[in-house]
Amino acid sequence: MVKQPGTVTPVDTDGRRLRYQHRRPELLDAVVDYVLAHGVSGLAMRPLAAAVGVSHGTLLHHFGSKENLVTEVIDVLRQRLSEAAGSTSEPARLADLTDWWRRSTTEERLPVYRLLFEVFAHAVREPAQYERFLRQVVHDSLALMENLLIADGCAPERAPLVASIVVAQARGLQLDLLATGDRERVDAAFALFVDLIDRI
């Protein structure tokens, strides 16, 4: 019998089950690639398990729930962004914001942000289910920006508000870039924003 492209035979499935049995990082990489390619809208654990060649129970054993799985996927993708940049994916100083923007919005990295915003939409609807995601991606980013601001001389009591502006503006322009593809305008808008922040 000729195997159709994209189908999973019992031999393939059994072989990959054995391969992934004690190699969670490899399984996570396969899951990341699948989610990055297919998104999270309509994502279900059973079809995902079949696609990567493990049982539904194996996925639950390793990840606990779909929401935890998605959060781990985002963690891996953020780490990939960091490694690709050769440094941390976040700016080290406020003066580095423009360079950070340029490094973080290259064409090969935009699919990661597309997935990130898709997960954001789910998290807004189900914050309790995505508590870990929101804590890591939202609150951690705000805390990092607050620290940068304080190090640059911003008053500690003012830093949370300014950090909220910076993070919200960066994410808004990332979404704008994804939606319009108008890189020249969006890049210019971010450069103008950085100039304005310097005056706060």
N, C-alpha and C. Protein backbone atom coordinates (compact mmCIF):
# COMPACT_ATOMS: atom_id res chain seq x y z
N MET A 1 0.84 -1.19 0.00
CA MET A 1 0.00 0.00 0.00
C MET A 1 0.89 1.25 0.00
N VAL A 2 0.55 2.21 -0.85
CA VAL A 2 1.33 3.44 -0.94
C VAL A 2 0.90 4.39 0.16
N LYS A 3 1.87 4.88 0.89
CA LYS A 3 1.58 5.81 1.98
C LYS A 3 1.31 7.20 1.42
N GLN A 4 0.19 7.80 1.78
CA GLN A 4 -0.15 9.15 1.34
C GLN A 4 0.68 10.16 2.12
N PRO A 5 1.08 11.25 1.44
CA PRO A 5 1.84 12.29 2.15
C PRO A 5 1.08 12.81 3.37
N GLY A 6 1.80 12.97 4.46
CA GLY A 6 1.20 13.54 5.66
C GLY A 6 0.51 12.53 6.55
N THR A 7 0.40 11.25 6.11
CA THR A 7 -0.26 10.25 6.94
C THR A 7 0.75 9.66 7.91
N VAL A 8 0.25 9.11 9.01
CA VAL A 8 1.09 8.50 10.04
C VAL A 8 0.74 7.03 10.14
N THR A 9 1.69 6.17 9.86
CA THR A 9 1.44 4.74 9.96
C THR A 9 1.68 4.27 11.37
N PRO A 10 1.11 3.10 11.76
CA PRO A 10 1.35 2.57 13.11
C PRO A 10 2.82 2.40 13.42
N VAL A 11 3.63 2.00 12.40
CA VAL A 11 5.05 1.81 12.63
C VAL A 11 5.70 3.14 12.98
N ASP A 12 5.34 4.20 12.18
CA ASP A 12 5.88 5.52 12.47
C ASP A 12 5.51 5.95 13.88
N THR A 13 4.23 5.77 14.22
CA THR A 13 3.74 6.23 15.52
C THR A 13 4.44 5.50 16.65
N ASP A 14 4.52 4.19 16.54
CA ASP A 14 5.16 3.42 17.60
C ASP A 14 6.63 3.80 17.74
N GLY A 15 7.30 3.98 16.59
CA GLY A 15 8.71 4.35 16.63
C GLY A 15 8.94 5.68 17.30
N ARG A 16 8.07 6.66 16.98
CA ARG A 16 8.25 7.98 17.57
C ARG A 16 7.84 7.98 19.04
N ARG A 17 6.87 7.14 19.39
CA ARG A 17 6.52 7.04 20.81
C ARG A 17 7.73 6.59 21.62
N LEU A 18 8.45 5.59 21.08
CA LEU A 18 9.64 5.11 21.78
C LEU A 18 10.71 6.19 21.81
N ARG A 19 10.85 6.91 20.69
CA ARG A 19 11.87 7.95 20.61
C ARG A 19 11.60 9.08 21.60
N TYR A 20 10.33 9.43 21.78
CA TYR A 20 9.99 10.55 22.63
C TYR A 20 9.79 10.14 24.10
N GLN A 21 9.79 8.84 24.38
CA GLN A 21 9.43 8.38 25.71
C GLN A 21 10.25 9.06 26.80
N HIS A 22 11.54 9.19 26.59
CA HIS A 22 12.40 9.80 27.60
C HIS A 22 13.10 11.04 27.06
N ARG A 23 12.54 11.64 26.00
CA ARG A 23 13.20 12.79 25.37
C ARG A 23 12.19 13.91 25.20
N ARG A 24 11.77 14.46 26.29
CA ARG A 24 10.77 15.52 26.26
C ARG A 24 11.17 16.72 25.43
N PRO A 25 12.45 17.18 25.49
CA PRO A 25 12.83 18.33 24.66
C PRO A 25 12.59 18.10 23.17
N GLU A 26 12.86 16.90 22.70
CA GLU A 26 12.64 16.60 21.29
C GLU A 26 11.15 16.62 20.96
N LEU A 27 10.34 16.09 21.87
CA LEU A 27 8.89 16.14 21.68
C LEU A 27 8.41 17.59 21.66
N LEU A 28 8.94 18.41 22.57
CA LEU A 28 8.54 19.80 22.62
C LEU A 28 8.90 20.51 21.32
N ASP A 29 10.07 20.21 20.76
CA ASP A 29 10.46 20.83 19.48
C ASP A 29 9.47 20.48 18.38
N ALA A 30 9.02 19.21 18.36
CA ALA A 30 8.05 18.79 17.35
C ALA A 30 6.72 19.51 17.54
N VAL A 31 6.32 19.67 18.78
CA VAL A 31 5.08 20.39 19.09
C VAL A 31 5.20 21.85 18.68
N VAL A 32 6.34 22.47 18.98
CA VAL A 32 6.56 23.88 18.62
C VAL A 32 6.43 24.06 17.11
N ASP A 33 7.07 23.20 16.35
CA ASP A 33 7.02 23.32 14.90
C ASP A 33 5.58 23.18 14.39
N TYR A 34 4.83 22.28 14.98
CA TYR A 34 3.44 22.07 14.56
C TYR A 34 2.59 23.31 14.89
N VAL A 35 2.71 23.81 16.10
CA VAL A 35 1.89 24.95 16.51
C VAL A 35 2.27 26.20 15.73
N LEU A 36 3.56 26.38 15.47
CA LEU A 36 3.99 27.54 14.70
C LEU A 36 3.43 27.49 13.28
N ALA A 37 3.33 26.29 12.73
CA ALA A 37 2.81 26.15 11.37
C ALA A 37 1.29 26.25 11.30
N HIS A 38 0.58 25.77 12.35
CA HIS A 38 -0.88 25.67 12.30
C HIS A 38 -1.62 26.66 13.17
N GLY A 39 -0.90 27.33 14.10
CA GLY A 39 -1.57 28.27 15.00
C GLY A 39 -2.28 27.54 16.13
N VAL A 40 -2.97 28.31 16.97
CA VAL A 40 -3.65 27.73 18.12
C VAL A 40 -5.18 27.75 17.99
N SER A 41 -5.70 28.46 16.99
CA SER A 41 -7.15 28.45 16.79
C SER A 41 -7.57 27.06 16.32
N GLY A 42 -8.42 26.44 17.09
CA GLY A 42 -8.85 25.08 16.76
C GLY A 42 -7.86 24.01 17.15
N LEU A 43 -6.79 24.39 17.84
CA LEU A 43 -5.80 23.41 18.26
C LEU A 43 -6.43 22.44 19.26
N ALA A 44 -6.28 21.16 19.00
CA ALA A 44 -6.79 20.13 19.90
C ALA A 44 -5.68 19.13 20.17
N MET A 45 -5.68 18.58 21.37
CA MET A 45 -4.58 17.72 21.79
C MET A 45 -4.51 16.41 21.00
N ARG A 46 -5.66 15.81 20.71
CA ARG A 46 -5.63 14.51 20.02
C ARG A 46 -5.05 14.61 18.61
N PRO A 47 -5.53 15.55 17.77
CA PRO A 47 -4.91 15.69 16.44
C PRO A 47 -3.43 16.08 16.52
N LEU A 48 -3.09 16.92 17.49
CA LEU A 48 -1.68 17.29 17.66
C LEU A 48 -0.85 16.06 18.01
N ALA A 49 -1.36 15.24 18.93
CA ALA A 49 -0.64 14.03 19.31
C ALA A 49 -0.42 13.13 18.09
N ALA A 50 -1.46 12.96 17.28
CA ALA A 50 -1.33 12.12 16.09
C ALA A 50 -0.31 12.69 15.11
N ALA A 51 -0.29 14.03 14.99
CA ALA A 51 0.61 14.67 14.04
C ALA A 51 2.08 14.50 14.42
N VAL A 52 2.37 14.49 15.72
CA VAL A 52 3.77 14.34 16.16
C VAL A 52 4.09 12.90 16.52
N GLY A 53 3.10 12.01 16.42
CA GLY A 53 3.36 10.59 16.58
C GLY A 53 3.42 10.08 18.00
N VAL A 54 2.63 10.68 18.90
CA VAL A 54 2.55 10.17 20.27
C VAL A 54 1.08 10.02 20.63
N SER A 55 0.83 9.44 21.77
CA SER A 55 -0.55 9.28 22.21
C SER A 55 -1.05 10.55 22.88
N HIS A 56 -2.37 10.67 22.95
CA HIS A 56 -2.99 11.78 23.65
C HIS A 56 -2.53 11.79 25.12
N GLY A 57 -2.45 10.62 25.72
CA GLY A 57 -2.01 10.50 27.10
C GLY A 57 -0.58 10.98 27.30
N THR A 58 0.28 10.73 26.30
CA THR A 58 1.67 11.19 26.40
C THR A 58 1.75 12.70 26.45
N LEU A 59 0.97 13.37 25.60
CA LEU A 59 0.95 14.83 25.63
C LEU A 59 0.47 15.35 26.98
N LEU A 60 -0.60 14.75 27.49
CA LEU A 60 -1.12 15.18 28.79
C LEU A 60 -0.10 14.92 29.89
N HIS A 61 0.60 13.81 29.80
CA HIS A 61 1.62 13.48 30.80
C HIS A 61 2.71 14.54 30.84
N HIS A 62 3.14 14.97 29.65
CA HIS A 62 4.26 15.91 29.57
C HIS A 62 3.85 17.36 29.80
N PHE A 63 2.62 17.72 29.39
CA PHE A 63 2.25 19.14 29.40
C PHE A 63 1.06 19.47 30.29
N GLY A 64 0.28 18.50 30.67
CA GLY A 64 -0.82 18.72 31.61
C GLY A 64 -2.09 19.24 30.98
N SER A 65 -1.99 20.27 30.14
CA SER A 65 -3.17 20.85 29.50
C SER A 65 -2.74 21.56 28.23
N LYS A 66 -3.71 21.87 27.37
CA LYS A 66 -3.41 22.60 26.15
C LYS A 66 -2.82 23.97 26.46
N GLU A 67 -3.35 24.63 27.49
CA GLU A 67 -2.87 25.96 27.84
C GLU A 67 -1.41 25.93 28.30
N ASN A 68 -1.06 24.93 29.11
CA ASN A 68 0.34 24.80 29.53
C ASN A 68 1.24 24.50 28.35
N LEU A 69 0.74 23.65 27.45
CA LEU A 69 1.50 23.32 26.25
C LEU A 69 1.78 24.58 25.43
N VAL A 70 0.75 25.39 25.21
CA VAL A 70 0.91 26.61 24.42
C VAL A 70 1.90 27.56 25.09
N THR A 71 1.84 27.67 26.41
CA THR A 71 2.76 28.54 27.12
C THR A 71 4.20 28.06 26.95
N GLU A 72 4.42 26.75 26.99
CA GLU A 72 5.76 26.22 26.79
C GLU A 72 6.23 26.46 25.36
N VAL A 73 5.31 26.36 24.41
CA VAL A 73 5.65 26.65 23.02
C VAL A 73 6.15 28.09 22.89
N ILE A 74 5.43 29.03 23.51
CA ILE A 74 5.82 30.43 23.46
C ILE A 74 7.18 30.63 24.12
N ASP A 75 7.43 29.93 25.23
CA ASP A 75 8.73 30.03 25.90
C ASP A 75 9.86 29.62 24.95
N VAL A 76 9.66 28.51 24.24
CA VAL A 76 10.68 28.03 23.30
C VAL A 76 10.91 29.03 22.18
N LEU A 77 9.82 29.59 21.65
CA LEU A 77 9.95 30.53 20.55
C LEU A 77 10.65 31.82 20.99
N ARG A 78 10.37 32.27 22.20
CA ARG A 78 11.07 33.45 22.71
C ARG A 78 12.56 33.16 22.87
N GLN A 79 12.88 31.95 23.30
CA GLN A 79 14.28 31.57 23.43
C GLN A 79 14.96 31.51 22.06
N ARG A 80 14.24 31.01 21.06
CA ARG A 80 14.80 30.98 19.70
C ARG A 80 15.07 32.39 19.19
N LEU A 81 14.19 33.32 19.50
CA LEU A 81 14.42 34.71 19.10
C LEU A 81 15.68 35.25 19.75
N SER A 82 15.86 34.93 21.02
CA SER A 82 17.05 35.40 21.74
C SER A 82 18.32 34.85 21.12
N GLU A 83 18.32 33.55 20.83
CA GLU A 83 19.50 32.91 20.28
C GLU A 83 19.80 33.43 18.88
N ALA A 84 18.77 33.68 18.10
CA ALA A 84 18.96 34.18 16.74
C ALA A 84 19.56 35.58 16.76
N ALA A 85 19.21 36.36 17.78
CA ALA A 85 19.73 37.73 17.90
C ALA A 85 21.15 37.75 18.45
N GLY A 86 21.59 36.63 19.00
CA GLY A 86 22.92 36.57 19.58
C GLY A 86 23.01 37.23 20.94
N SER A 87 21.85 37.58 21.48
CA SER A 87 21.81 38.23 22.79
C SER A 87 20.40 38.08 23.31
N THR A 88 20.07 38.78 24.38
CA THR A 88 18.71 38.72 24.89
C THR A 88 17.77 39.35 23.90
N SER A 89 16.51 38.89 23.86
CA SER A 89 15.55 39.43 22.91
C SER A 89 14.98 40.76 23.37
N GLU A 90 15.31 41.18 24.57
CA GLU A 90 14.84 42.46 25.09
C GLU A 90 16.01 43.44 25.14
N PRO A 91 15.73 44.74 25.06
CA PRO A 91 16.82 45.71 25.11
C PRO A 91 17.51 45.71 26.47
N ALA A 92 18.82 45.95 26.46
CA ALA A 92 19.57 46.01 27.71
C ALA A 92 19.51 47.39 28.33
N ARG A 93 19.29 48.42 27.49
CA ARG A 93 19.16 49.80 27.96
C ARG A 93 18.09 50.48 27.11
N LEU A 94 17.54 51.57 27.60
CA LEU A 94 16.55 52.29 26.80
C LEU A 94 17.15 52.78 25.49
N ALA A 95 18.44 53.10 25.51
CA ALA A 95 19.11 53.56 24.30
C ALA A 95 19.16 52.48 23.22
N ASP A 96 18.93 51.23 23.63
CA ASP A 96 18.98 50.11 22.68
C ASP A 96 17.63 49.78 22.06
N LEU A 97 16.59 50.57 22.36
CA LEU A 97 15.25 50.24 21.88
C LEU A 97 15.17 50.15 20.37
N THR A 98 15.79 51.07 19.67
CA THR A 98 15.73 51.05 18.21
C THR A 98 16.40 49.82 17.64
N ASP A 99 17.56 49.47 18.18
CA ASP A 99 18.27 48.27 17.73
C ASP A 99 17.46 47.02 18.06
N TRP A 100 16.85 46.99 19.24
CA TRP A 100 16.00 45.86 19.61
C TRP A 100 14.83 45.71 18.63
N TRP A 101 14.21 46.84 18.28
CA TRP A 101 13.09 46.79 17.34
C TRP A 101 13.54 46.20 16.00
N ARG A 102 14.68 46.64 15.52
CA ARG A 102 15.18 46.16 14.22
C ARG A 102 15.47 44.66 14.27
N ARG A 103 16.07 44.21 15.38
CA ARG A 103 16.40 42.79 15.50
C ARG A 103 15.18 41.91 15.69
N SER A 104 14.17 42.43 16.37
CA SER A 104 13.03 41.60 16.77
C SER A 104 11.91 41.55 15.75
N THR A 105 11.99 42.38 14.71
CA THR A 105 10.89 42.41 13.73
C THR A 105 11.34 42.04 12.32
N THR A 106 12.42 41.26 12.22
CA THR A 106 12.84 40.79 10.90
C THR A 106 11.78 39.85 10.33
N GLU A 107 11.80 39.67 9.02
CA GLU A 107 10.77 38.87 8.36
C GLU A 107 10.69 37.45 8.90
N GLU A 108 11.85 36.85 9.23
CA GLU A 108 11.83 35.47 9.71
C GLU A 108 11.28 35.36 11.13
N ARG A 109 11.21 36.48 11.85
CA ARG A 109 10.71 36.43 13.22
C ARG A 109 9.24 36.83 13.35
N LEU A 110 8.70 37.44 12.31
CA LEU A 110 7.30 37.87 12.38
C LEU A 110 6.32 36.72 12.63
N PRO A 111 6.53 35.50 12.08
CA PRO A 111 5.59 34.41 12.39
C PRO A 111 5.49 34.11 13.88
N VAL A 112 6.57 34.32 14.62
CA VAL A 112 6.52 34.11 16.07
C VAL A 112 5.58 35.12 16.71
N TYR A 113 5.66 36.37 16.29
CA TYR A 113 4.77 37.39 16.84
C TYR A 113 3.32 37.15 16.41
N ARG A 114 3.15 36.64 15.21
CA ARG A 114 1.78 36.31 14.77
C ARG A 114 1.15 35.28 15.71
N LEU A 115 1.93 34.26 16.07
CA LEU A 115 1.44 33.26 17.00
C LEU A 115 1.24 33.87 18.39
N LEU A 116 2.15 34.73 18.80
CA LEU A 116 2.05 35.37 20.11
C LEU A 116 0.74 36.14 20.25
N PHE A 117 0.39 36.91 19.22
CA PHE A 117 -0.85 37.68 19.28
C PHE A 117 -2.08 36.77 19.23
N GLU A 118 -1.95 35.66 18.54
CA GLU A 118 -3.06 34.71 18.51
C GLU A 118 -3.30 34.14 19.91
N VAL A 119 -2.23 33.83 20.62
CA VAL A 119 -2.36 33.32 21.98
C VAL A 119 -2.88 34.41 22.91
N PHE A 120 -2.45 35.65 22.70
CA PHE A 120 -2.97 36.76 23.48
C PHE A 120 -4.50 36.81 23.41
N ALA A 121 -5.03 36.64 22.21
CA ALA A 121 -6.48 36.70 22.04
C ALA A 121 -7.18 35.63 22.87
N HIS A 122 -6.61 34.43 22.90
CA HIS A 122 -7.19 33.36 23.72
C HIS A 122 -7.05 33.68 25.21
N ALA A 123 -5.89 34.24 25.58
CA ALA A 123 -5.64 34.54 26.99
C ALA A 123 -6.57 35.63 27.51
N VAL A 124 -6.90 36.59 26.65
CA VAL A 124 -7.82 37.64 27.06
C VAL A 124 -9.21 37.06 27.35
N ARG A 125 -9.61 36.07 26.58
CA ARG A 125 -10.91 35.43 26.80
C ARG A 125 -10.89 34.49 27.99
N GLU A 126 -9.75 33.84 28.22
CA GLU A 126 -9.65 32.84 29.29
C GLU A 126 -8.42 33.11 30.15
N PRO A 127 -8.39 34.22 30.88
CA PRO A 127 -7.18 34.57 31.64
C PRO A 127 -6.80 33.54 32.70
N ALA A 128 -7.78 32.90 33.30
CA ALA A 128 -7.47 31.89 34.32
C ALA A 128 -6.75 30.69 33.71
N GLN A 129 -7.15 30.32 32.49
CA GLN A 129 -6.53 29.18 31.83
C GLN A 129 -5.11 29.50 31.34
N TYR A 130 -4.88 30.78 31.05
CA TYR A 130 -3.58 31.18 30.52
C TYR A 130 -2.81 32.05 31.51
N GLU A 131 -3.02 31.80 32.79
CA GLU A 131 -2.38 32.62 33.82
C GLU A 131 -0.87 32.61 33.69
N ARG A 132 -0.30 31.45 33.46
CA ARG A 132 1.16 31.35 33.35
C ARG A 132 1.67 32.14 32.14
N PHE A 133 0.98 32.03 31.03
CA PHE A 133 1.35 32.78 29.83
C PHE A 133 1.32 34.28 30.10
N LEU A 134 0.25 34.75 30.69
CA LEU A 134 0.11 36.18 30.96
C LEU A 134 1.19 36.66 31.92
N ARG A 135 1.50 35.86 32.91
CA ARG A 135 2.52 36.25 33.87
C ARG A 135 3.88 36.38 33.19
N GLN A 136 4.23 35.41 32.36
CA GLN A 136 5.55 35.40 31.75
C GLN A 136 5.69 36.43 30.63
N VAL A 137 4.69 36.52 29.78
CA VAL A 137 4.81 37.35 28.60
C VAL A 137 4.41 38.80 28.86
N VAL A 138 3.44 39.01 29.73
CA VAL A 138 2.98 40.37 30.00
C VAL A 138 3.70 40.97 31.20
N HIS A 139 3.53 40.37 32.36
CA HIS A 139 4.06 40.95 33.58
C HIS A 139 5.59 40.97 33.61
N ASP A 140 6.21 39.92 33.09
CA ASP A 140 7.67 39.90 33.07
C ASP A 140 8.23 40.99 32.17
N SER A 141 7.57 41.24 31.04
CA SER A 141 8.01 42.30 30.13
C SER A 141 7.90 43.67 30.80
N LEU A 142 6.81 43.88 31.53
CA LEU A 142 6.63 45.15 32.23
C LEU A 142 7.70 45.32 33.32
N ALA A 143 7.98 44.26 34.05
CA ALA A 143 9.00 44.34 35.11
C ALA A 143 10.37 44.65 34.53
N LEU A 144 10.70 44.01 33.40
CA LEU A 144 11.99 44.26 32.77
C LEU A 144 12.09 45.72 32.32
N MET A 145 11.02 46.24 31.72
CA MET A 145 11.04 47.62 31.24
C MET A 145 11.11 48.59 32.41
N GLU A 146 10.42 48.31 33.50
CA GLU A 146 10.51 49.16 34.69
C GLU A 146 11.96 49.26 35.18
N ASN A 147 12.64 48.12 35.21
CA ASN A 147 14.03 48.11 35.65
C ASN A 147 14.92 48.96 34.74
N LEU A 148 14.68 48.88 33.43
CA LEU A 148 15.45 49.68 32.48
C LEU A 148 15.22 51.17 32.71
N LEU A 149 13.98 51.52 32.93
CA LEU A 149 13.63 52.92 33.15
C LEU A 149 14.27 53.47 34.41
N ILE A 150 14.19 52.71 35.48
CA ILE A 150 14.78 53.15 36.75
C ILE A 150 16.30 53.30 36.61
N ALA A 151 16.93 52.34 35.89
CA ALA A 151 18.37 52.42 35.68
C ALA A 151 18.75 53.65 34.86
N ASP A 152 17.82 54.12 34.01
CA ASP A 152 18.07 55.31 33.20
C ASP A 152 17.64 56.59 33.90
N GLY A 153 17.25 56.49 35.17
CA GLY A 153 16.95 57.68 35.94
C GLY A 153 15.49 58.01 36.15
N CYS A 154 14.60 57.15 35.69
CA CYS A 154 13.17 57.38 35.89
C CYS A 154 12.83 57.14 37.36
N ALA A 155 11.98 58.00 37.92
CA ALA A 155 11.56 57.83 39.31
C ALA A 155 10.83 56.50 39.48
N PRO A 156 11.16 55.73 40.51
CA PRO A 156 10.53 54.42 40.70
C PRO A 156 9.01 54.46 40.72
N GLU A 157 8.42 55.51 41.30
CA GLU A 157 6.97 55.58 41.36
C GLU A 157 6.35 55.87 39.98
N ARG A 158 7.15 56.41 39.06
CA ARG A 158 6.67 56.73 37.73
C ARG A 158 6.94 55.60 36.73
N ALA A 159 7.91 54.77 37.05
CA ALA A 159 8.37 53.73 36.12
C ALA A 159 7.28 52.77 35.66
N PRO A 160 6.36 52.30 36.52
CA PRO A 160 5.33 51.37 36.04
C PRO A 160 4.45 51.95 34.93
N LEU A 161 4.12 53.25 35.04
CA LEU A 161 3.27 53.86 34.02
C LEU A 161 4.02 54.03 32.71
N VAL A 162 5.26 54.49 32.79
CA VAL A 162 6.06 54.67 31.57
C VAL A 162 6.34 53.31 30.93
N ALA A 163 6.62 52.30 31.74
CA ALA A 163 6.85 50.95 31.22
C ALA A 163 5.63 50.43 30.48
N SER A 164 4.46 50.70 31.02
CA SER A 164 3.22 50.28 30.35
C SER A 164 3.09 50.92 28.98
N ILE A 165 3.46 52.20 28.89
CA ILE A 165 3.40 52.90 27.61
C ILE A 165 4.37 52.28 26.60
N VAL A 166 5.59 52.01 27.04
CA VAL A 166 6.61 51.46 26.14
C VAL A 166 6.20 50.09 25.62
N VAL A 167 5.81 49.21 26.53
CA VAL A 167 5.44 47.84 26.13
C VAL A 167 4.21 47.86 25.23
N ALA A 168 3.21 48.66 25.60
CA ALA A 168 1.99 48.71 24.80
C ALA A 168 2.26 49.27 23.41
N GLN A 169 3.10 50.29 23.31
CA GLN A 169 3.40 50.88 22.00
C GLN A 169 4.16 49.91 21.12
N ALA A 170 5.14 49.22 21.70
CA ALA A 170 5.91 48.25 20.92
C ALA A 170 5.01 47.14 20.41
N ARG A 171 4.13 46.62 21.26
CA ARG A 171 3.25 45.54 20.82
C ARG A 171 2.23 46.03 19.81
N GLY A 172 1.74 47.26 20.01
CA GLY A 172 0.80 47.81 19.05
C GLY A 172 1.41 47.95 17.66
N LEU A 173 2.65 48.40 17.59
CA LEU A 173 3.31 48.56 16.31
C LEU A 173 3.70 47.21 15.71
N GLN A 174 4.01 46.23 16.55
CA GLN A 174 4.24 44.87 16.03
C GLN A 174 2.97 44.34 15.36
N LEU A 175 1.84 44.54 16.01
CA LEU A 175 0.57 44.10 15.44
C LEU A 175 0.26 44.87 14.16
N ASP A 176 0.53 46.16 14.15
CA ASP A 176 0.34 46.98 12.95
C ASP A 176 1.18 46.43 11.80
N LEU A 177 2.43 46.11 12.06
CA LEU A 177 3.32 45.57 11.03
C LEU A 177 2.80 44.25 10.49
N LEU A 178 2.33 43.38 11.38
CA LEU A 178 1.77 42.11 10.94
C LEU A 178 0.53 42.30 10.08
N ALA A 179 -0.31 43.26 10.46
CA ALA A 179 -1.58 43.46 9.76
C ALA A 179 -1.43 44.17 8.43
N THR A 180 -0.46 45.09 8.34
CA THR A 180 -0.36 45.93 7.14
C THR A 180 0.86 45.63 6.28
N GLY A 181 1.92 45.15 6.90
CA GLY A 181 3.16 44.94 6.15
C GLY A 181 3.85 46.24 5.77
N ASP A 182 3.37 47.35 6.29
CA ASP A 182 3.91 48.67 5.94
C ASP A 182 5.13 48.97 6.80
N ARG A 183 6.25 48.33 6.47
CA ARG A 183 7.43 48.42 7.32
C ARG A 183 7.98 49.83 7.41
N GLU A 184 8.02 50.55 6.30
CA GLU A 184 8.60 51.89 6.32
C GLU A 184 7.85 52.80 7.30
N ARG A 185 6.52 52.79 7.23
CA ARG A 185 5.74 53.63 8.13
C ARG A 185 5.86 53.20 9.58
N VAL A 186 5.77 51.89 9.82
CA VAL A 186 5.81 51.39 11.19
C VAL A 186 7.18 51.61 11.82
N ASP A 187 8.25 51.35 11.06
CA ASP A 187 9.59 51.60 11.59
C ASP A 187 9.78 53.08 11.93
N ALA A 188 9.27 53.95 11.07
CA ALA A 188 9.39 55.39 11.32
C ALA A 188 8.58 55.78 12.56
N ALA A 189 7.42 55.16 12.73
CA ALA A 189 6.61 55.45 13.90
C ALA A 189 7.31 55.02 15.18
N PHE A 190 7.99 53.86 15.13
CA PHE A 190 8.71 53.42 16.33
C PHE A 190 9.87 54.35 16.64
N ALA A 191 10.58 54.79 15.61
CA ALA A 191 11.70 55.72 15.81
C ALA A 191 11.19 57.02 16.45
N LEU A 192 10.05 57.51 15.97
CA LEU A 192 9.46 58.71 16.57
C LEU A 192 9.08 58.47 18.02
N PHE A 193 8.54 57.30 18.30
CA PHE A 193 8.16 56.96 19.68
C PHE A 193 9.38 56.96 20.60
N VAL A 194 10.48 56.42 20.13
CA VAL A 194 11.71 56.38 20.94
C VAL A 194 12.16 57.80 21.25
N ASP A 195 12.06 58.70 20.27
CA ASP A 195 12.42 60.10 20.52
C ASP A 195 11.52 60.72 21.59
N LEU A 196 10.23 60.39 21.53
CA LEU A 196 9.30 60.93 22.52
C LEU A 196 9.58 60.40 23.92
N ILE A 197 9.93 59.12 24.00
CA ILE A 197 10.24 58.52 25.30
C ILE A 197 11.43 59.20 25.94
N ASP A 198 12.40 59.59 25.12
CA ASP A 198 13.59 60.25 25.65
C ASP A 198 13.23 61.56 26.36
N ARG A 199 12.07 62.13 26.04
CA ARG A 199 11.68 63.42 26.62
C ARG A 199 10.83 63.27 27.87
N ILE A 200 10.41 62.04 28.16
CA ILE A 200 9.55 61.84 29.34
C ILE A 200 10.36 61.92 30.62
